[in-house]
Amino acid sequence: MTGVTVGEVAEFPVDDEEAGRAERIEALRRRIAAVPARGEVQSVARGRVEAASDRILPVPAPLAELLPQGGLVRGSVVSVSGATSLLLGMLASVTASGGYAAVIGQRRLGLLAAAEMGARLHRLAVIPDPGPDPVEIAAVLLDGIDLVVLGLGGASVPPSRARAVAARARSKQSVLVVTDGRWEGAHVRLEARIDGYRGVDGPGRDRLCATRLSVRAHGRAFPPRATRVEVCADRSAVEWASEERNRLEDGRFRKAVR
């Protein structure tokens, strides 16, 4: 493999008007071909769970409880709407486990927040301005990237094209996550909304400790499911936890400081 990194893919000038469309797409394909193959840079420790990771991409633990397979099934299309914490948690889980991810057309996605959740930014490609056809860029990135997040910018993708890209995701065994638009035929739909915030009592009580989310999942093969989670900030990181677990831990803390 060459020394080209995912970071260099993110810097590729997809919207360069002086280059022909076909030339730009071909250049992007060459950059993607330079990304280490899946499994090439995995650690021995990760190899022990390779059988599972061959089929499933990880998500934050509270979200795993909502999904029948406990994660994102390779070869599937997932629609995500609502709070961006959902996308950030997925990116963090996938890159922290050794996978590669790409984000297309999401100018305001907070990479600092992703890093605080544990994302490995050197495994993350960001293409904020993919040009007039972000769907085609996503189709290219599916060849070699584990998780591709596609921001549609409010657009609606024709069903025939959605089926063609979904077939490519299936053949390449990547996961396509679509957001901010209409995409028919997604295997799983995830919706998140902010339900509130949690601070602390006593000195420093104005400090925000957690954001409460209500998350709903439904899909072709399973009925709707819902849960409430908290995205919790401490001094060194941002973590996901079930609301019930945090309620118990908060109760223990209150007793300890009395």
C-alpha atoms as a PDB file:
ATOM      1  CA  MET A   1       0.000   0.000   0.000  1.00  0.00           C
ATOM      2  CA  THR A   2       1.059   3.577  -0.594  1.00  0.00           C
ATOM      3  CA  GLY A   3       1.271   6.187   2.108  1.00  0.00           C
ATOM      4  CA  VAL A   4      -1.968   7.883   1.088  1.00  0.00           C
ATOM      5  CA  THR A   5      -4.254   8.366   4.096  1.00  0.00           C
ATOM      6  CA  VAL A   6      -7.950   8.871   4.515  1.00  0.00           C
ATOM      7  CA  GLY A   7      -7.165  12.456   5.447  1.00  0.00           C
ATOM      8  CA  GLU A   8      -5.775  12.993   1.955  1.00  0.00           C
ATOM      9  CA  VAL A   9      -9.008  11.677   0.470  1.00  0.00           C
ATOM     10  CA  ALA A  10     -10.856  14.361   2.426  1.00  0.00           C
ATOM     11  CA  GLU A  11      -8.691  17.027   0.806  1.00  0.00           C
ATOM     12  CA  PHE A  12      -9.405  15.846  -2.738  1.00  0.00           C
ATOM     13  CA  PRO A  13     -10.876  18.770  -4.757  1.00  0.00           C
ATOM     14  CA  VAL A  14     -14.085  17.113  -5.859  1.00  0.00           C
ATOM     15  CA  ASP A  15     -15.583  20.431  -6.950  1.00  0.00           C
ATOM     16  CA  ASP A  16     -12.687  21.517  -9.176  1.00  0.00           C
ATOM     17  CA  GLU A  17     -14.394  23.031 -12.225  1.00  0.00           C
ATOM     18  CA  GLU A  18     -11.289  22.759 -14.404  1.00  0.00           C
ATOM     19  CA  ALA A  19     -11.243  18.967 -14.253  1.00  0.00           C
ATOM     20  CA  GLY A  20     -13.751  16.899 -16.162  1.00  0.00           C
ATOM     21  CA  ARG A  21     -16.344  15.003 -14.167  1.00  0.00           C
ATOM     22  CA  ALA A  22     -15.102  11.591 -15.324  1.00  0.00           C
ATOM     23  CA  GLU A  23     -11.495  12.530 -14.522  1.00  0.00           C
ATOM     24  CA  ARG A  24     -12.435  13.687 -11.022  1.00  0.00           C
ATOM     25  CA  ILE A  25     -14.341  10.503 -10.305  1.00  0.00           C
ATOM     26  CA  GLU A  26     -11.462   8.373 -11.587  1.00  0.00           C
ATOM     27  CA  ALA A  27      -8.979  10.305  -9.440  1.00  0.00           C
ATOM     28  CA  LEU A  28     -11.184   9.740  -6.399  1.00  0.00           C
ATOM     29  CA  ARG A  29     -11.279   6.018  -7.187  1.00  0.00           C
ATOM     30  CA  ARG A  30      -7.476   5.946  -7.208  1.00  0.00           C
ATOM     31  CA  ARG A  31      -7.357   7.647  -3.815  1.00  0.00           C
ATOM     32  CA  ILE A  32      -9.837   5.162  -2.371  1.00  0.00           C
ATOM     33  CA  ALA A  33      -7.805   2.275  -3.798  1.00  0.00           C
ATOM     34  CA  ALA A  34      -4.883   3.543  -1.713  1.00  0.00           C
ATOM     35  CA  VAL A  35      -6.804   3.183   1.563  1.00  0.00           C
ATOM     36  CA  PRO A  36      -5.621   0.072   3.472  1.00  0.00           C
ATOM     37  CA  ALA A  37      -7.856  -2.891   2.816  1.00  0.00           C
ATOM     38  CA  ARG A  38     -10.240  -3.996   5.547  1.00  0.00           C
ATOM     39  CA  GLY A  39      -8.355  -6.058   8.045  1.00  0.00           C
ATOM     40  CA  GLU A  40      -4.905  -5.006   6.788  1.00  0.00           C
ATOM     41  CA  VAL A  41      -4.176  -2.766   9.763  1.00  0.00           C
ATOM     42  CA  GLN A  42      -6.247  -4.526  12.378  1.00  0.00           C
ATOM     43  CA  SER A  43      -4.684  -5.387  15.695  1.00  0.00           C
ATOM     44  CA  VAL A  44      -4.418  -8.922  17.037  1.00  0.00           C
ATOM     45  CA  ALA A  45      -6.958  -8.039  19.702  1.00  0.00           C
ATOM     46  CA  ARG A  46      -9.477  -6.973  17.105  1.00  0.00           C
ATOM     47  CA  GLY A  47      -8.790 -10.154  15.161  1.00  0.00           C
ATOM     48  CA  ARG A  48     -10.362 -12.145  17.977  1.00  0.00           C
ATOM     49  CA  VAL A  49     -13.740 -10.625  17.171  1.00  0.00           C
ATOM     50  CA  GLU A  50     -13.292 -10.667  13.403  1.00  0.00           C
ATOM     51  CA  ALA A  51     -16.132 -13.134  12.823  1.00  0.00           C
ATOM     52  CA  ALA A  52     -18.627 -10.644  14.220  1.00  0.00           C
ATOM     53  CA  SER A  53     -17.074  -7.524  12.676  1.00  0.00           C
ATOM     54  CA  ASP A  54     -17.164  -9.155   9.251  1.00  0.00           C
ATOM     55  CA  ARG A  55     -20.941  -8.717   9.318  1.00  0.00           C
ATOM     56  CA  ILE A  56     -21.626  -5.881  11.765  1.00  0.00           C
ATOM     57  CA  LEU A  57     -20.275  -2.379  12.302  1.00  0.00           C
ATOM     58  CA  PRO A  58     -20.399  -1.286  15.958  1.00  0.00           C
ATOM     59  CA  VAL A  59     -22.564   1.484  17.390  1.00  0.00           C
ATOM     60  CA  PRO A  60     -22.715   2.979  20.904  1.00  0.00           C
ATOM     61  CA  ALA A  61     -23.941   0.358  23.380  1.00  0.00           C
ATOM     62  CA  PRO A  62     -27.354   1.929  24.124  1.00  0.00           C
ATOM     63  CA  LEU A  63     -28.086   2.012  20.373  1.00  0.00           C
ATOM     64  CA  ALA A  64     -26.984  -1.595  19.933  1.00  0.00           C
ATOM     65  CA  GLU A  65     -29.881  -2.643  22.142  1.00  0.00           C
ATOM     66  CA  LEU A  66     -32.308  -1.179  19.585  1.00  0.00           C
ATOM     67  CA  LEU A  67     -30.930  -3.040  16.572  1.00  0.00           C
ATOM     68  CA  PRO A  68     -31.679  -6.731  15.948  1.00  0.00           C
ATOM     69  CA  GLN A  69     -28.048  -7.523  15.093  1.00  0.00           C
ATOM     70  CA  GLY A  70     -26.583  -5.229  17.725  1.00  0.00           C
ATOM     71  CA  GLY A  71     -25.045  -2.893  15.139  1.00  0.00           C
ATOM     72  CA  LEU A  72     -25.093  -1.789  11.511  1.00  0.00           C
ATOM     73  CA  VAL A  73     -25.278  -4.743   9.157  1.00  0.00           C
ATOM     74  CA  ARG A  74     -22.734  -4.583   6.346  1.00  0.00           C
ATOM     75  CA  GLY A  75     -24.342  -4.121   2.960  1.00  0.00           C
ATOM     76  CA  SER A  76     -27.299  -2.159   4.323  1.00  0.00           C
ATOM     77  CA  VAL A  77     -28.651   1.378   3.954  1.00  0.00           C
ATOM     78  CA  VAL A  78     -29.586   3.256   7.139  1.00  0.00           C
ATOM     79  CA  SER A  79     -31.599   6.484   7.264  1.00  0.00           C
ATOM     80  CA  VAL A  80     -30.801   8.801  10.181  1.00  0.00           C
ATOM     81  CA  SER A  81     -32.707  11.911  11.207  1.00  0.00           C
ATOM     82  CA  GLY A  82     -32.758  14.279  14.150  1.00  0.00           C
ATOM     83  CA  ALA A  83     -29.984  14.984  16.644  1.00  0.00           C
ATOM     84  CA  THR A  84     -26.509  14.827  15.101  1.00  0.00           C
ATOM     85  CA  SER A  85     -25.189  12.999  18.174  1.00  0.00           C
ATOM     86  CA  LEU A  86     -26.494   9.858  16.491  1.00  0.00           C
ATOM     87  CA  LEU A  87     -24.161  10.280  13.505  1.00  0.00           C
ATOM     88  CA  LEU A  88     -21.224  11.272  15.699  1.00  0.00           C
ATOM     89  CA  GLY A  89     -21.666   8.185  17.872  1.00  0.00           C
ATOM     90  CA  MET A  90     -21.663   5.911  14.821  1.00  0.00           C
ATOM     91  CA  LEU A  91     -18.539   7.522  13.387  1.00  0.00           C
ATOM     92  CA  ALA A  92     -16.777   7.249  16.728  1.00  0.00           C
ATOM     93  CA  SER A  93     -17.678   3.587  17.222  1.00  0.00           C
ATOM     94  CA  VAL A  94     -16.653   2.512  13.717  1.00  0.00           C
ATOM     95  CA  THR A  95     -13.330   4.361  13.562  1.00  0.00           C
ATOM     96  CA  ALA A  96     -12.394   3.466  17.152  1.00  0.00           C
ATOM     97  CA  SER A  97     -12.864  -0.220  16.295  1.00  0.00           C
ATOM     98  CA  GLY A  98     -10.439   0.010  13.368  1.00  0.00           C
ATOM     99  CA  GLY A  99     -12.836   0.802  10.533  1.00  0.00           C
ATOM    100  CA  TYR A 100     -12.777   3.651   8.045  1.00  0.00           C
ATOM    101  CA  ALA A 101     -15.556   6.184   7.532  1.00  0.00           C
ATOM    102  CA  ALA A 102     -16.367   9.028   5.165  1.00  0.00           C
ATOM    103  CA  VAL A 103     -18.739  11.973   5.543  1.00  0.00           C
ATOM    104  CA  ILE A 104     -20.136  13.693   2.454  1.00  0.00           C
ATOM    105  CA  GLY A 105     -21.938  17.028   2.324  1.00  0.00           C
ATOM    106  CA  GLN A 106     -22.085  17.681   6.074  1.00  0.00           C
ATOM    107  CA  ARG A 107     -20.341  21.026   6.526  1.00  0.00           C
ATOM    108  CA  ARG A 108     -21.452  21.543  10.119  1.00  0.00           C
ATOM    109  CA  LEU A 109     -20.680  18.134  11.527  1.00  0.00           C
ATOM    110  CA  GLY A 110     -18.666  18.613  14.714  1.00  0.00           C
ATOM    111  CA  LEU A 111     -15.425  16.680  14.371  1.00  0.00           C
ATOM    112  CA  LEU A 112     -14.291  17.828  17.822  1.00  0.00           C
ATOM    113  CA  ALA A 113     -17.410  16.250  19.337  1.00  0.00           C
ATOM    114  CA  ALA A 114     -16.733  13.061  17.365  1.00  0.00           C
ATOM    115  CA  ALA A 115     -13.162  12.969  18.674  1.00  0.00           C
ATOM    116  CA  GLU A 116     -14.409  13.442  22.240  1.00  0.00           C
ATOM    117  CA  MET A 117     -16.647  10.402  21.714  1.00  0.00           C
ATOM    118  CA  GLY A 118     -13.564   8.398  20.714  1.00  0.00           C
ATOM    119  CA  ALA A 119     -13.445   8.838  16.929  1.00  0.00           C
ATOM    120  CA  ARG A 120     -10.058   8.282  15.278  1.00  0.00           C
ATOM    121  CA  LEU A 121      -9.937  11.236  12.927  1.00  0.00           C
ATOM    122  CA  HIS A 122      -7.118   9.765  10.837  1.00  0.00           C
ATOM    123  CA  ARG A 123      -9.634   7.087   9.797  1.00  0.00           C
ATOM    124  CA  LEU A 124     -12.258   9.636   8.801  1.00  0.00           C
ATOM    125  CA  ALA A 125     -12.557  11.324   5.396  1.00  0.00           C
ATOM    126  CA  VAL A 126     -14.631  14.494   5.156  1.00  0.00           C
ATOM    127  CA  ILE A 127     -15.850  15.866   1.831  1.00  0.00           C
ATOM    128  CA  PRO A 128     -17.909  18.934   2.791  1.00  0.00           C
ATOM    129  CA  ASP A 129     -18.576  20.046  -0.796  1.00  0.00           C
ATOM    130  CA  PRO A 130     -18.988  17.000  -3.079  1.00  0.00           C
ATOM    131  CA  GLY A 131     -20.197  19.000  -6.072  1.00  0.00           C
ATOM    132  CA  PRO A 132     -23.465  18.591  -7.952  1.00  0.00           C
ATOM    133  CA  ASP A 133     -23.783  14.820  -7.506  1.00  0.00           C
ATOM    134  CA  PRO A 134     -23.019  13.706  -3.927  1.00  0.00           C
ATOM    135  CA  VAL A 135     -24.758  10.363  -4.528  1.00  0.00           C
ATOM    136  CA  GLU A 136     -22.152   9.405  -7.110  1.00  0.00           C
ATOM    137  CA  ILE A 137     -19.339  10.360  -4.737  1.00  0.00           C
ATOM    138  CA  ALA A 138     -20.931   8.144  -2.090  1.00  0.00           C
ATOM    139  CA  ALA A 139     -21.143   5.269  -4.577  1.00  0.00           C
ATOM    140  CA  VAL A 140     -17.421   5.590  -5.256  1.00  0.00           C
ATOM    141  CA  LEU A 141     -16.531   5.696  -1.558  1.00  0.00           C
ATOM    142  CA  LEU A 142     -18.526   2.537  -0.854  1.00  0.00           C
ATOM    143  CA  ASP A 143     -15.701   0.703  -2.596  1.00  0.00           C
ATOM    144  CA  GLY A 144     -13.183   0.566   0.242  1.00  0.00           C
ATOM    145  CA  ILE A 145     -14.795   2.531   3.100  1.00  0.00           C
ATOM    146  CA  ASP A 146     -16.674   0.716   5.872  1.00  0.00           C
ATOM    147  CA  LEU A 147     -19.166   3.489   6.716  1.00  0.00           C
ATOM    148  CA  VAL A 148     -20.235   6.231   4.302  1.00  0.00           C
ATOM    149  CA  VAL A 149     -22.425   9.054   5.629  1.00  0.00           C
ATOM    150  CA  LEU A 150     -24.233  10.915   2.853  1.00  0.00           C
ATOM    151  CA  GLY A 151     -25.885  14.269   3.506  1.00  0.00           C
ATOM    152  CA  LEU A 152     -28.527  14.875   0.845  1.00  0.00           C
ATOM    153  CA  GLY A 153     -29.065  18.556   1.562  1.00  0.00           C
ATOM    154  CA  GLY A 154     -32.836  18.171   1.497  1.00  0.00           C
ATOM    155  CA  ALA A 155     -32.875  16.356  -1.852  1.00  0.00           C
ATOM    156  CA  SER A 156     -34.992  13.346  -2.748  1.00  0.00           C
ATOM    157  CA  VAL A 157     -33.184  10.485  -4.481  1.00  0.00           C
ATOM    158  CA  PRO A 158     -35.205   8.704  -7.211  1.00  0.00           C
ATOM    159  CA  PRO A 159     -36.115   5.134  -6.160  1.00  0.00           C
ATOM    160  CA  SER A 160     -34.353   3.587  -9.159  1.00  0.00           C
ATOM    161  CA  ARG A 161     -31.080   5.279  -8.287  1.00  0.00           C
ATOM    162  CA  ALA A 162     -31.474   4.514  -4.593  1.00  0.00           C
ATOM    163  CA  ARG A 163     -31.836   0.824  -5.471  1.00  0.00           C
ATOM    164  CA  ALA A 164     -28.703   0.926  -7.644  1.00  0.00           C
ATOM    165  CA  VAL A 165     -26.588   2.506  -4.888  1.00  0.00           C
ATOM    166  CA  ALA A 166     -28.049   0.121  -2.293  1.00  0.00           C
ATOM    167  CA  ALA A 167     -27.015  -2.787  -4.520  1.00  0.00           C
ATOM    168  CA  ARG A 168     -23.483  -1.388  -4.631  1.00  0.00           C
ATOM    169  CA  ALA A 169     -23.381  -1.089  -0.839  1.00  0.00           C
ATOM    170  CA  ARG A 170     -24.502  -4.705  -0.622  1.00  0.00           C
ATOM    171  CA  SER A 171     -21.894  -5.930  -3.118  1.00  0.00           C
ATOM    172  CA  LYS A 172     -19.082  -3.981  -1.397  1.00  0.00           C
ATOM    173  CA  GLN A 173     -20.288  -4.931   2.104  1.00  0.00           C
ATOM    174  CA  SER A 174     -20.201  -1.332   3.275  1.00  0.00           C
ATOM    175  CA  VAL A 175     -22.851   0.585   5.200  1.00  0.00           C
ATOM    176  CA  LEU A 176     -24.431   3.683   3.676  1.00  0.00           C
ATOM    177  CA  VAL A 177     -26.017   6.129   6.123  1.00  0.00           C
ATOM    178  CA  VAL A 178     -28.236   8.765   4.511  1.00  0.00           C
ATOM    179  CA  THR A 179     -29.450  11.903   6.243  1.00  0.00           C
ATOM    180  CA  ASP A 180     -31.098  15.242   5.542  1.00  0.00           C
ATOM    181  CA  GLY A 181     -33.182  14.054   2.592  1.00  0.00           C
ATOM    182  CA  ARG A 182     -35.517  11.419   1.206  1.00  0.00           C
ATOM    183  CA  TRP A 183     -34.258   7.908   0.424  1.00  0.00           C
ATOM    184  CA  GLU A 184     -36.761   5.159  -0.248  1.00  0.00           C
ATOM    185  CA  GLY A 185     -36.050   1.567   0.752  1.00  0.00           C
ATOM    186  CA  ALA A 186     -33.660   2.039   3.679  1.00  0.00           C
ATOM    187  CA  HIS A 187     -33.239  -1.179   5.685  1.00  0.00           C
ATOM    188  CA  VAL A 188     -33.237   0.672   9.020  1.00  0.00           C
ATOM    189  CA  ARG A 189     -34.463   4.107  10.050  1.00  0.00           C
ATOM    190  CA  LEU A 190     -33.147   5.806  13.172  1.00  0.00           C
ATOM    191  CA  GLU A 191     -34.662   8.971  14.608  1.00  0.00           C
ATOM    192  CA  ALA A 192     -33.301  10.924  17.564  1.00  0.00           C
ATOM    193  CA  ARG A 193     -34.603  13.981  19.341  1.00  0.00           C
ATOM    194  CA  ILE A 194     -33.244  15.940  22.286  1.00  0.00           C
ATOM    195  CA  ASP A 195     -35.413  15.442  25.359  1.00  0.00           C
ATOM    196  CA  GLY A 196     -33.523  17.633  27.776  1.00  0.00           C
ATOM    197  CA  TYR A 197     -30.281  18.148  29.638  1.00  0.00           C
ATOM    198  CA  ARG A 198     -28.790  17.125  32.942  1.00  0.00           C
ATOM    199  CA  GLY A 199     -26.492  19.178  35.146  1.00  0.00           C
ATOM    200  CA  VAL A 200     -25.095  18.648  38.627  1.00  0.00           C
ATOM    201  CA  ASP A 201     -26.209  19.849  42.032  1.00  0.00           C
ATOM    202  CA  GLY A 202     -24.081  21.940  44.327  1.00  0.00           C
ATOM    203  CA  PRO A 203     -21.013  23.974  43.259  1.00  0.00           C
ATOM    204  CA  GLY A 204     -20.745  24.135  39.484  1.00  0.00           C
ATOM    205  CA  ARG A 205     -24.389  23.188  39.074  1.00  0.00           C
ATOM    206  CA  ASP A 206     -24.668  25.284  35.917  1.00  0.00           C
ATOM    207  CA  ARG A 207     -22.299  22.935  34.125  1.00  0.00           C
ATOM    208  CA  LEU A 208     -23.925  20.688  31.506  1.00  0.00           C
ATOM    209  CA  CYS A 209     -23.206  17.015  32.197  1.00  0.00           C
ATOM    210  CA  ALA A 210     -25.435  15.156  29.754  1.00  0.00           C
ATOM    211  CA  THR A 211     -27.837  15.519  26.854  1.00  0.00           C
ATOM    212  CA  ARG A 212     -30.895  13.298  26.988  1.00  0.00           C
ATOM    213  CA  LEU A 213     -32.008  11.719  23.713  1.00  0.00           C
ATOM    214  CA  SER A 214     -35.077   9.759  22.722  1.00  0.00           C
ATOM    215  CA  VAL A 215     -34.118   7.334  19.962  1.00  0.00           C
ATOM    216  CA  ARG A 216     -36.518   5.333  17.808  1.00  0.00           C
ATOM    217  CA  ALA A 217     -35.565   2.542  15.399  1.00  0.00           C
ATOM    218  CA  HIS A 218     -37.665   0.688  12.875  1.00  0.00           C
ATOM    219  CA  GLY A 219     -36.884  -1.336   9.804  1.00  0.00           C
ATOM    220  CA  ARG A 220     -37.954  -3.864   7.251  1.00  0.00           C
ATOM    221  CA  ALA A 221     -37.316  -6.854   9.479  1.00  0.00           C
ATOM    222  CA  PHE A 222     -38.332  -5.606  12.926  1.00  0.00           C
ATOM    223  CA  PRO A 223     -41.086  -3.525  14.553  1.00  0.00           C
ATOM    224  CA  PRO A 224     -40.477  -0.044  15.976  1.00  0.00           C
ATOM    225  CA  ARG A 225     -38.355   0.134  19.108  1.00  0.00           C
ATOM    226  CA  ALA A 226     -37.497   3.094  21.291  1.00  0.00           C
ATOM    227  CA  THR A 227     -35.166   3.967  24.124  1.00  0.00           C
ATOM    228  CA  ARG A 228     -33.841   6.944  26.041  1.00  0.00           C
ATOM    229  CA  VAL A 229     -30.110   7.523  26.334  1.00  0.00           C
ATOM    230  CA  GLU A 230     -27.759  10.137  27.686  1.00  0.00           C
ATOM    231  CA  VAL A 231     -24.669  11.477  25.978  1.00  0.00           C
ATOM    232  CA  CYS A 232     -22.520  12.225  28.994  1.00  0.00           C
ATOM    233  CA  ALA A 233     -19.533  14.568  29.225  1.00  0.00           C
ATOM    234  CA  ASP A 234     -16.826  14.124  31.814  1.00  0.00           C
ATOM    235  CA  ARG A 235     -13.406  15.708  32.099  1.00  0.00           C
ATOM    236  CA  SER A 236     -11.754  13.575  29.440  1.00  0.00           C
ATOM    237  CA  ALA A 237     -14.386  12.182  27.074  1.00  0.00           C
ATOM    238  CA  VAL A 238     -17.994  12.004  25.959  1.00  0.00           C
ATOM    239  CA  GLU A 239     -19.742   8.684  26.535  1.00  0.00           C
ATOM    240  CA  TRP A 240     -23.081   7.080  25.737  1.00  0.00           C
ATOM    241  CA  ALA A 241     -25.127   5.490  28.493  1.00  0.00           C
ATOM    242  CA  SER A 242     -28.667   4.331  29.069  1.00  0.00           C
ATOM    243  CA  GLU A 243     -30.727   6.799  31.071  1.00  0.00           C
ATOM    244  CA  GLU A 244     -31.469   4.110  33.668  1.00  0.00           C
ATOM    245  CA  ARG A 245     -27.786   3.428  34.281  1.00  0.00           C
ATOM    246  CA  ASN A 246     -27.058   7.112  34.736  1.00  0.00           C
ATOM    247  CA  ARG A 247     -30.008   7.482  37.099  1.00  0.00           C
ATOM    248  CA  LEU A 248     -28.596   4.722  39.321  1.00  0.00           C
ATOM    249  CA  GLU A 249     -25.063   6.143  39.239  1.00  0.00           C
ATOM    250  CA  ASP A 250     -26.361   9.645  39.980  1.00  0.00           C
ATOM    251  CA  GLY A 251     -28.278   8.291  42.972  1.00  0.00           C
ATOM    252  CA  ARG A 252     -25.142   6.627  44.343  1.00  0.00           C
ATOM    253  CA  PHE A 253     -23.181   9.882  43.884  1.00  0.00           C
ATOM    254  CA  ARG A 254     -25.790  11.902  45.764  1.00  0.00           C
ATOM    255  CA  LYS A 255     -25.695   9.486  48.675  1.00  0.00           C
ATOM    256  CA  ALA A 256     -21.906   9.548  48.750  1.00  0.00           C
ATOM    257  CA  VAL A 257     -21.685  13.333  49.054  1.00  0.00           C
ATOM    258  CA  ARG A 258     -24.310  13.701  51.758  1.00  0.00           C
END
